[in-house]
Amino acid sequence: MNHVIKKILTTGFLLSVSASLVACGSGSDNSSTGSGNGGEQTPAGDLPAKIQDAIDGPLSGLTQNVRDTLTYMYSEEGLAHDIYLNIYSLQPVKQLENIAKKSEVKHIDAVNQLARKYDLNMTQYPDTDIPYSIEGIGNGTYPVAQVQYLYNILYDKGIQSQKDALGVGCMVEVVDITDLDDYIKTAQASNASDVLTVFEFLRDGSYNHYWAFDKGLKNMGITEGCCSVPDALGYHFCHPEYPQNDQKND
């Protein structure tokens, strides 16, 4: 898919989510980026051997399309990490802290290592083919405007209640999976096997996180779990078809 078209489609999806939340009324001016994490980075644990081997393996011939997907996913994974910890500081839902500190740091590290491998710059999206540098993740700021806007909206929603915090978790993981489904196809089409392996790793993690948030809502007596999260202009967060597995801290 042409990258410009893909960006438009992705933007449309994120804006649909945002419009729905505004319609629900979070009572916020969307100006807060949260301060619970204070920019502190949680050290990442070791990546699974399969993922590390792929990252350390031969270079793929990355198209600009694939380079841009790496930049985009770095920001999205940064959003998940930051928003979960920042909401957790006000709504102490254990799933938020566990997923941020045990999984999202690994996801960020995996994409970060790919950026170093290909000498990408992930702070000037979409100009990803100038020499590598990176900063900003950890304090609620991102180079991708759509991701920044989504962070602000979802943060304001998630701090309202523990139910809202878990609902935001459902939303973040569905956004991740939706984008990764597309980006995995892009990596396959480009024969970028290392990027493909990392993106599949990220998606497997998002599947697990979705079900963790779903279970959290059900434990609160919300029998529909993530399926109770309001529709976003026709897009829903109810995905019983997502696979479930026993992977931990992915």
C-alpha atoms as a PDB file:
ATOM      1  CA  MET A   1       0.000   0.000   0.000  1.00  0.00           C
ATOM      2  CA  ASN A   2       1.263   3.490  -0.814  1.00  0.00           C
ATOM      3  CA  HIS A   3       2.676   5.003   2.380  1.00  0.00           C
ATOM      4  CA  VAL A   4       0.771   8.271   2.027  1.00  0.00           C
ATOM      5  CA  ILE A   5      -2.517   6.365   1.727  1.00  0.00           C
ATOM      6  CA  LYS A   6      -1.562   4.189   4.687  1.00  0.00           C
ATOM      7  CA  LYS A   7      -0.856   7.285   6.787  1.00  0.00           C
ATOM      8  CA  ILE A   8      -4.237   8.748   5.864  1.00  0.00           C
ATOM      9  CA  LEU A   9      -6.031   5.543   6.804  1.00  0.00           C
ATOM     10  CA  THR A  10      -4.183   5.296  10.085  1.00  0.00           C
ATOM     11  CA  THR A  11      -4.847   8.938  10.867  1.00  0.00           C
ATOM     12  CA  GLY A  12      -8.525   8.421  10.149  1.00  0.00           C
ATOM     13  CA  PHE A  13      -8.667   5.526  12.568  1.00  0.00           C
ATOM     14  CA  LEU A  14      -6.940   7.450  15.346  1.00  0.00           C
ATOM     15  CA  LEU A  15      -9.113  10.503  14.817  1.00  0.00           C
ATOM     16  CA  SER A  16     -12.186   8.262  14.966  1.00  0.00           C
ATOM     17  CA  VAL A  17     -11.057   7.000  18.350  1.00  0.00           C
ATOM     18  CA  SER A  18     -10.406  10.552  19.509  1.00  0.00           C
ATOM     19  CA  ALA A  19     -13.760  11.842  18.289  1.00  0.00           C
ATOM     20  CA  SER A  20     -15.564   9.079  20.119  1.00  0.00           C
ATOM     21  CA  LEU A  21     -13.818   9.878  23.388  1.00  0.00           C
ATOM     22  CA  VAL A  22     -14.552  13.576  23.039  1.00  0.00           C
ATOM     23  CA  ALA A  23     -18.184  12.710  22.403  1.00  0.00           C
ATOM     24  CA  CYS A  24     -18.184  10.597  25.578  1.00  0.00           C
ATOM     25  CA  GLY A  25     -16.946  13.667  27.478  1.00  0.00           C
ATOM     26  CA  SER A  26     -13.763  13.298  29.461  1.00  0.00           C
ATOM     27  CA  GLY A  27     -14.114  16.753  30.981  1.00  0.00           C
ATOM     28  CA  SER A  28     -10.600  17.714  29.923  1.00  0.00           C
ATOM     29  CA  ASP A  29      -8.975  20.327  27.743  1.00  0.00           C
ATOM     30  CA  ASN A  30      -6.609  17.665  26.342  1.00  0.00           C
ATOM     31  CA  SER A  31      -3.633  19.708  27.424  1.00  0.00           C
ATOM     32  CA  SER A  32      -2.172  17.231  29.923  1.00  0.00           C
ATOM     33  CA  THR A  33       0.487  14.736  28.982  1.00  0.00           C
ATOM     34  CA  GLY A  34       0.736  13.317  32.488  1.00  0.00           C
ATOM     35  CA  SER A  35       3.668  13.293  34.848  1.00  0.00           C
ATOM     36  CA  GLY A  36       3.456   9.971  36.659  1.00  0.00           C
ATOM     37  CA  ASN A  37       6.449   8.512  34.866  1.00  0.00           C
ATOM     38  CA  GLY A  38       8.436  11.713  34.955  1.00  0.00           C
ATOM     39  CA  GLY A  39      10.449  10.665  31.907  1.00  0.00           C
ATOM     40  CA  GLU A  40      12.016   7.764  33.826  1.00  0.00           C
ATOM     41  CA  GLN A  41      12.925   4.769  31.703  1.00  0.00           C
ATOM     42  CA  THR A  42      12.427   1.307  33.152  1.00  0.00           C
ATOM     43  CA  PRO A  43      15.364  -0.961  32.223  1.00  0.00           C
ATOM     44  CA  ALA A  44      14.386  -3.526  29.619  1.00  0.00           C
ATOM     45  CA  GLY A  45      14.818  -7.218  30.298  1.00  0.00           C
ATOM     46  CA  ASP A  46      16.419  -9.589  27.840  1.00  0.00           C
ATOM     47  CA  LEU A  47      14.528 -10.114  24.607  1.00  0.00           C
ATOM     48  CA  PRO A  48      13.537 -13.669  23.636  1.00  0.00           C
ATOM     49  CA  ALA A  49      16.381 -15.410  21.805  1.00  0.00           C
ATOM     50  CA  LYS A  50      14.425 -15.632  18.535  1.00  0.00           C
ATOM     51  CA  ILE A  51      13.852 -11.871  18.529  1.00  0.00           C
ATOM     52  CA  GLN A  52      17.422 -10.994  19.458  1.00  0.00           C
ATOM     53  CA  ASP A  53      18.787 -13.368  16.810  1.00  0.00           C
ATOM     54  CA  ALA A  54      16.627 -11.692  14.155  1.00  0.00           C
ATOM     55  CA  ILE A  55      17.818  -8.239  15.200  1.00  0.00           C
ATOM     56  CA  ASP A  56      21.443  -9.343  15.235  1.00  0.00           C
ATOM     57  CA  GLY A  57      21.106 -11.144  11.894  1.00  0.00           C
ATOM     58  CA  PRO A  58      21.824  -9.948   8.351  1.00  0.00           C
ATOM     59  CA  LEU A  59      20.636  -6.579   7.137  1.00  0.00           C
ATOM     60  CA  SER A  60      17.463  -6.437   5.056  1.00  0.00           C
ATOM     61  CA  GLY A  61      17.062  -4.034   2.171  1.00  0.00           C
ATOM     62  CA  LEU A  62      14.617  -1.681   3.854  1.00  0.00           C
ATOM     63  CA  THR A  63      12.333   0.424   1.699  1.00  0.00           C
ATOM     64  CA  GLN A  64      11.403   3.895   2.926  1.00  0.00           C
ATOM     65  CA  ASN A  65       7.976   2.438   3.657  1.00  0.00           C
ATOM     66  CA  VAL A  66       9.437  -0.044   6.134  1.00  0.00           C
ATOM     67  CA  ARG A  67      11.698   2.608   7.681  1.00  0.00           C
ATOM     68  CA  ASP A  68       8.666   4.774   8.339  1.00  0.00           C
ATOM     69  CA  THR A  69       6.761   1.897   9.947  1.00  0.00           C
ATOM     70  CA  LEU A  70       9.627   1.453  12.421  1.00  0.00           C
ATOM     71  CA  THR A  71       9.447   5.122  13.380  1.00  0.00           C
ATOM     72  CA  TYR A  72       5.704   4.951  13.748  1.00  0.00           C
ATOM     73  CA  MET A  73       5.715   1.799  15.881  1.00  0.00           C
ATOM     74  CA  TYR A  74       8.435   3.189  18.135  1.00  0.00           C
ATOM     75  CA  SER A  75       6.127   6.081  18.959  1.00  0.00           C
ATOM     76  CA  GLU A  76       3.114   3.798  19.429  1.00  0.00           C
ATOM     77  CA  GLU A  77       4.998   1.474  21.767  1.00  0.00           C
ATOM     78  CA  GLY A  78       6.305   4.531  23.619  1.00  0.00           C
ATOM     79  CA  LEU A  79       2.721   5.743  23.972  1.00  0.00           C
ATOM     80  CA  ALA A  80       1.661   2.432  25.505  1.00  0.00           C
ATOM     81  CA  HIS A  81       4.538   2.483  27.996  1.00  0.00           C
ATOM     82  CA  ASP A  82       4.075   6.112  29.010  1.00  0.00           C
ATOM     83  CA  ILE A  83       0.306   6.214  29.161  1.00  0.00           C
ATOM     84  CA  TYR A  84       0.057   3.047  31.221  1.00  0.00           C
ATOM     85  CA  LEU A  85       2.523   4.296  33.843  1.00  0.00           C
ATOM     86  CA  ASN A  86       1.148   7.830  33.896  1.00  0.00           C
ATOM     87  CA  ILE A  87      -2.443   6.670  34.296  1.00  0.00           C
ATOM     88  CA  TYR A  88      -1.288   4.134  36.896  1.00  0.00           C
ATOM     89  CA  SER A  89       0.033   6.962  39.069  1.00  0.00           C
ATOM     90  CA  LEU A  90      -3.564   8.200  39.429  1.00  0.00           C
ATOM     91  CA  GLN A  91      -5.535   5.000  38.869  1.00  0.00           C
ATOM     92  CA  PRO A  92      -3.431   2.156  40.357  1.00  0.00           C
ATOM     93  CA  VAL A  93      -4.611  -0.683  38.124  1.00  0.00           C
ATOM     94  CA  LYS A  94      -1.979  -3.413  38.354  1.00  0.00           C
ATOM     95  CA  GLN A  95      -2.275  -4.456  34.705  1.00  0.00           C
ATOM     96  CA  LEU A  96      -1.038  -1.017  33.646  1.00  0.00           C
ATOM     97  CA  GLU A  97       2.160  -1.211  35.680  1.00  0.00           C
ATOM     98  CA  ASN A  98       2.869  -4.851  34.847  1.00  0.00           C
ATOM     99  CA  ILE A  99       2.459  -4.408  31.101  1.00  0.00           C
ATOM    100  CA  ALA A 100       4.458  -1.166  30.980  1.00  0.00           C
ATOM    101  CA  LYS A 101       7.391  -2.424  33.034  1.00  0.00           C
ATOM    102  CA  LYS A 102       7.524  -6.050  31.918  1.00  0.00           C
ATOM    103  CA  SER A 103       6.475  -5.883  28.265  1.00  0.00           C
ATOM    104  CA  GLU A 104       6.421  -2.412  26.729  1.00  0.00           C
ATOM    105  CA  VAL A 105      10.042  -1.761  27.677  1.00  0.00           C
ATOM    106  CA  LYS A 106      10.980  -4.873  25.689  1.00  0.00           C
ATOM    107  CA  HIS A 107       8.879  -3.775  22.730  1.00  0.00           C
ATOM    108  CA  ILE A 108      10.539  -0.349  22.734  1.00  0.00           C
ATOM    109  CA  ASP A 109      13.970  -1.955  23.053  1.00  0.00           C
ATOM    110  CA  ALA A 110      13.328  -4.284  20.102  1.00  0.00           C
ATOM    111  CA  VAL A 111      12.347  -1.432  17.775  1.00  0.00           C
ATOM    112  CA  ASN A 112      15.134   0.753  19.148  1.00  0.00           C
ATOM    113  CA  GLN A 113      17.706  -1.926  18.337  1.00  0.00           C
ATOM    114  CA  LEU A 114      16.393  -2.134  14.773  1.00  0.00           C
ATOM    115  CA  ALA A 115      16.725   1.642  14.482  1.00  0.00           C
ATOM    116  CA  ARG A 116      20.340   1.433  15.577  1.00  0.00           C
ATOM    117  CA  LYS A 117      20.943  -1.446  13.195  1.00  0.00           C
ATOM    118  CA  TYR A 118      19.737   0.618  10.232  1.00  0.00           C
ATOM    119  CA  ASP A 119      20.971   3.995  11.525  1.00  0.00           C
ATOM    120  CA  LEU A 120      17.495   5.501  11.499  1.00  0.00           C
ATOM    121  CA  ASN A 121      16.349   8.760  13.022  1.00  0.00           C
ATOM    122  CA  MET A 122      13.062   8.203  14.829  1.00  0.00           C
ATOM    123  CA  THR A 123      12.644  11.761  16.067  1.00  0.00           C
ATOM    124  CA  GLN A 124      11.928  13.400  12.702  1.00  0.00           C
ATOM    125  CA  TYR A 125       9.101  11.270  11.305  1.00  0.00           C
ATOM    126  CA  PRO A 126       8.855  10.532   8.440  1.00  0.00           C
ATOM    127  CA  ASP A 127      12.481  11.542   7.641  1.00  0.00           C
ATOM    128  CA  THR A 128      13.852   8.271   8.930  1.00  0.00           C
ATOM    129  CA  ASP A 129      16.868   7.889   6.664  1.00  0.00           C
ATOM    130  CA  ILE A 130      19.124  10.522   8.205  1.00  0.00           C
ATOM    131  CA  PRO A 131      21.673   9.472  10.864  1.00  0.00           C
ATOM    132  CA  TYR A 132      20.293   7.744  13.912  1.00  0.00           C
ATOM    133  CA  SER A 133      19.246   9.615  17.036  1.00  0.00           C
ATOM    134  CA  ILE A 134      16.441   9.148  19.539  1.00  0.00           C
ATOM    135  CA  GLU A 135      14.927  10.976  22.483  1.00  0.00           C
ATOM    136  CA  GLY A 136      11.546  11.818  23.954  1.00  0.00           C
ATOM    137  CA  ILE A 137      10.073   8.421  24.784  1.00  0.00           C
ATOM    138  CA  GLY A 138       9.279   8.256  28.480  1.00  0.00           C
ATOM    139  CA  ASN A 139       7.832  11.727  28.980  1.00  0.00           C
ATOM    140  CA  GLY A 140       4.640  11.556  26.918  1.00  0.00           C
ATOM    141  CA  THR A 141       5.997  13.298  23.813  1.00  0.00           C
ATOM    142  CA  TYR A 142       6.343  11.710  20.368  1.00  0.00           C
ATOM    143  CA  PRO A 143       7.526  12.773  16.907  1.00  0.00           C
ATOM    144  CA  VAL A 144       4.392  11.355  15.240  1.00  0.00           C
ATOM    145  CA  ALA A 145       1.584  13.915  15.507  1.00  0.00           C
ATOM    146  CA  GLN A 146      -1.219  11.354  15.345  1.00  0.00           C
ATOM    147  CA  VAL A 147       0.294   9.372  18.210  1.00  0.00           C
ATOM    148  CA  GLN A 148       0.765  12.537  20.285  1.00  0.00           C
ATOM    149  CA  TYR A 149      -2.873  13.516  19.777  1.00  0.00           C
ATOM    150  CA  LEU A 150      -4.049  10.038  20.709  1.00  0.00           C
ATOM    151  CA  TYR A 151      -1.907  10.051  23.860  1.00  0.00           C
ATOM    152  CA  ASN A 152      -3.416  13.331  25.056  1.00  0.00           C
ATOM    153  CA  ILE A 153      -6.988  12.146  24.460  1.00  0.00           C
ATOM    154  CA  LEU A 154      -6.520   8.717  26.033  1.00  0.00           C
ATOM    155  CA  TYR A 155      -4.624  10.029  29.041  1.00  0.00           C
ATOM    156  CA  ASP A 156      -7.467  12.404  29.828  1.00  0.00           C
ATOM    157  CA  LYS A 157      -9.930   9.537  29.526  1.00  0.00           C
ATOM    158  CA  GLY A 158      -7.936   6.973  31.492  1.00  0.00           C
ATOM    159  CA  ILE A 159      -7.410   9.055  34.622  1.00  0.00           C
ATOM    160  CA  GLN A 160     -11.180   9.335  35.220  1.00  0.00           C
ATOM    161  CA  SER A 161     -11.653   5.910  36.850  1.00  0.00           C
ATOM    162  CA  GLN A 162     -10.196   2.414  37.028  1.00  0.00           C
ATOM    163  CA  LYS A 163     -12.805   1.267  34.525  1.00  0.00           C
ATOM    164  CA  ASP A 164     -11.721   4.013  32.129  1.00  0.00           C
ATOM    165  CA  ALA A 165      -8.068   3.098  32.700  1.00  0.00           C
ATOM    166  CA  LEU A 166      -8.711  -0.503  31.669  1.00  0.00           C
ATOM    167  CA  GLY A 167     -10.833   0.662  28.743  1.00  0.00           C
ATOM    168  CA  VAL A 168      -7.973   2.827  27.519  1.00  0.00           C
ATOM    169  CA  GLY A 169      -5.776  -0.261  27.691  1.00  0.00           C
ATOM    170  CA  CYS A 170      -8.199  -2.082  25.390  1.00  0.00           C
ATOM    171  CA  MET A 171      -8.110   0.842  22.968  1.00  0.00           C
ATOM    172  CA  VAL A 172      -4.327   1.161  22.892  1.00  0.00           C
ATOM    173  CA  GLU A 173      -3.835  -2.534  22.164  1.00  0.00           C
ATOM    174  CA  VAL A 174      -6.455  -2.583  19.402  1.00  0.00           C
ATOM    175  CA  VAL A 175      -4.798   0.448  17.775  1.00  0.00           C
ATOM    176  CA  ASP A 176      -1.432  -1.332  17.981  1.00  0.00           C
ATOM    177  CA  ILE A 177      -2.782  -4.563  16.492  1.00  0.00           C
ATOM    178  CA  THR A 178      -4.615  -2.736  13.710  1.00  0.00           C
ATOM    179  CA  ASP A 179      -1.459  -0.905  12.670  1.00  0.00           C
ATOM    180  CA  LEU A 180       0.773  -3.965  13.068  1.00  0.00           C
ATOM    181  CA  ASP A 181      -1.511  -6.053  10.853  1.00  0.00           C
ATOM    182  CA  ASP A 182      -0.793  -3.537   8.107  1.00  0.00           C
ATOM    183  CA  TYR A 183       2.906  -3.121   8.869  1.00  0.00           C
ATOM    184  CA  ILE A 184       3.505  -6.872   8.977  1.00  0.00           C
ATOM    185  CA  LYS A 185       2.238  -7.062   5.407  1.00  0.00           C
ATOM    186  CA  THR A 186       4.597  -4.235   4.472  1.00  0.00           C
ATOM    187  CA  ALA A 187       7.569  -6.070   6.000  1.00  0.00           C
ATOM    188  CA  GLN A 188       6.582  -9.304   4.243  1.00  0.00           C
ATOM    189  CA  ALA A 189       6.301  -7.559   0.888  1.00  0.00           C
ATOM    190  CA  SER A 190       9.769  -6.080   1.380  1.00  0.00           C
ATOM    191  CA  ASN A 191      11.348  -9.379   2.506  1.00  0.00           C
ATOM    192  CA  ALA A 192      12.483  -7.628   5.684  1.00  0.00           C
ATOM    193  CA  SER A 193      12.611 -10.766   7.820  1.00  0.00           C
ATOM    194  CA  ASP A 194      14.141  -9.091  10.888  1.00  0.00           C
ATOM    195  CA  VAL A 195      11.484  -6.359  10.927  1.00  0.00           C
ATOM    196  CA  LEU A 196       8.775  -8.959  10.336  1.00  0.00           C
ATOM    197  CA  THR A 197       9.961 -11.024  13.324  1.00  0.00           C
ATOM    198  CA  VAL A 198       9.954  -7.977  15.592  1.00  0.00           C
ATOM    199  CA  PHE A 199       6.533  -6.797  14.428  1.00  0.00           C
ATOM    200  CA  GLU A 200       5.029 -10.252  14.993  1.00  0.00           C
ATOM    201  CA  PHE A 201       6.586 -10.193  18.482  1.00  0.00           C
ATOM    202  CA  LEU A 202       4.925  -6.836  19.158  1.00  0.00           C
ATOM    203  CA  ARG A 203       1.563  -8.077  17.907  1.00  0.00           C
ATOM    204  CA  ASP A 204       1.717 -11.254  20.007  1.00  0.00           C
ATOM    205  CA  GLY A 205       2.335  -9.048  23.028  1.00  0.00           C
ATOM    206  CA  SER A 206      -0.590  -6.802  22.178  1.00  0.00           C
ATOM    207  CA  TYR A 207      -2.854  -9.835  21.940  1.00  0.00           C
ATOM    208  CA  ASN A 208      -1.837 -10.810  25.473  1.00  0.00           C
ATOM    209  CA  HIS A 209      -2.279  -7.282  26.773  1.00  0.00           C
ATOM    210  CA  TYR A 210      -5.742  -6.984  25.237  1.00  0.00           C
ATOM    211  CA  TRP A 211      -6.874 -10.081  27.123  1.00  0.00           C
ATOM    212  CA  ALA A 212      -5.279  -8.836  30.350  1.00  0.00           C
ATOM    213  CA  PHE A 213      -7.318  -5.639  30.155  1.00  0.00           C
ATOM    214  CA  ASP A 214     -10.409  -7.608  29.125  1.00  0.00           C
ATOM    215  CA  LYS A 215      -9.991  -9.834  32.194  1.00  0.00           C
ATOM    216  CA  GLY A 216      -9.477  -6.792  34.412  1.00  0.00           C
ATOM    217  CA  LEU A 217     -12.797  -5.325  33.309  1.00  0.00           C
ATOM    218  CA  LYS A 218     -14.554  -8.648  33.805  1.00  0.00           C
ATOM    219  CA  ASN A 219     -13.094  -8.925  37.309  1.00  0.00           C
ATOM    220  CA  MET A 220     -14.780  -5.584  38.048  1.00  0.00           C
ATOM    221  CA  GLY A 221     -18.122  -7.129  37.092  1.00  0.00           C
ATOM    222  CA  ILE A 222     -18.182  -5.715  33.550  1.00  0.00           C
ATOM    223  CA  THR A 223     -19.155  -8.961  31.849  1.00  0.00           C
ATOM    224  CA  GLU A 224     -18.460  -7.759  28.293  1.00  0.00           C
ATOM    225  CA  GLY A 225     -14.868  -6.765  29.098  1.00  0.00           C
ATOM    226  CA  CYS A 226     -13.225  -4.840  26.266  1.00  0.00           C
ATOM    227  CA  CYS A 227     -16.444  -5.266  24.302  1.00  0.00           C
ATOM    228  CA  SER A 228     -18.011  -2.735  26.691  1.00  0.00           C
ATOM    229  CA  VAL A 229     -15.680   0.031  25.471  1.00  0.00           C
ATOM    230  CA  PRO A 230     -17.723   2.545  23.422  1.00  0.00           C
ATOM    231  CA  ASP A 231     -17.630   2.344  19.641  1.00  0.00           C
ATOM    232  CA  ALA A 232     -15.518   4.957  17.877  1.00  0.00           C
ATOM    233  CA  LEU A 233     -17.664   6.146  14.971  1.00  0.00           C
ATOM    234  CA  GLY A 234     -18.301   2.602  13.833  1.00  0.00           C
ATOM    235  CA  TYR A 235     -14.985   1.102  14.947  1.00  0.00           C
ATOM    236  CA  HIS A 236     -15.245  -1.260  17.883  1.00  0.00           C
ATOM    237  CA  PHE A 237     -12.874  -2.681  20.475  1.00  0.00           C
ATOM    238  CA  CYS A 238     -14.540  -6.078  20.760  1.00  0.00           C
ATOM    239  CA  HIS A 239     -12.233  -8.727  19.293  1.00  0.00           C
ATOM    240  CA  PRO A 240     -13.048 -12.242  20.507  1.00  0.00           C
ATOM    241  CA  GLU A 241     -11.059 -13.577  17.537  1.00  0.00           C
ATOM    242  CA  TYR A 242      -7.726 -12.381  18.972  1.00  0.00           C
ATOM    243  CA  PRO A 243      -5.620 -15.433  19.873  1.00  0.00           C
ATOM    244  CA  GLN A 244      -4.917 -16.171  23.512  1.00  0.00           C
ATOM    245  CA  ASN A 245      -1.745 -17.837  24.732  1.00  0.00           C
ATOM    246  CA  ASP A 246       0.352 -18.339  27.843  1.00  0.00           C
ATOM    247  CA  GLN A 247       3.263 -16.059  26.976  1.00  0.00           C
ATOM    248  CA  LYS A 248       4.305 -13.827  29.834  1.00  0.00           C
ATOM    249  CA  ASN A 249       6.229 -10.538  29.886  1.00  0.00           C
ATOM    250  CA  ASP A 250       6.554 -10.573  26.089  1.00  0.00           C
END
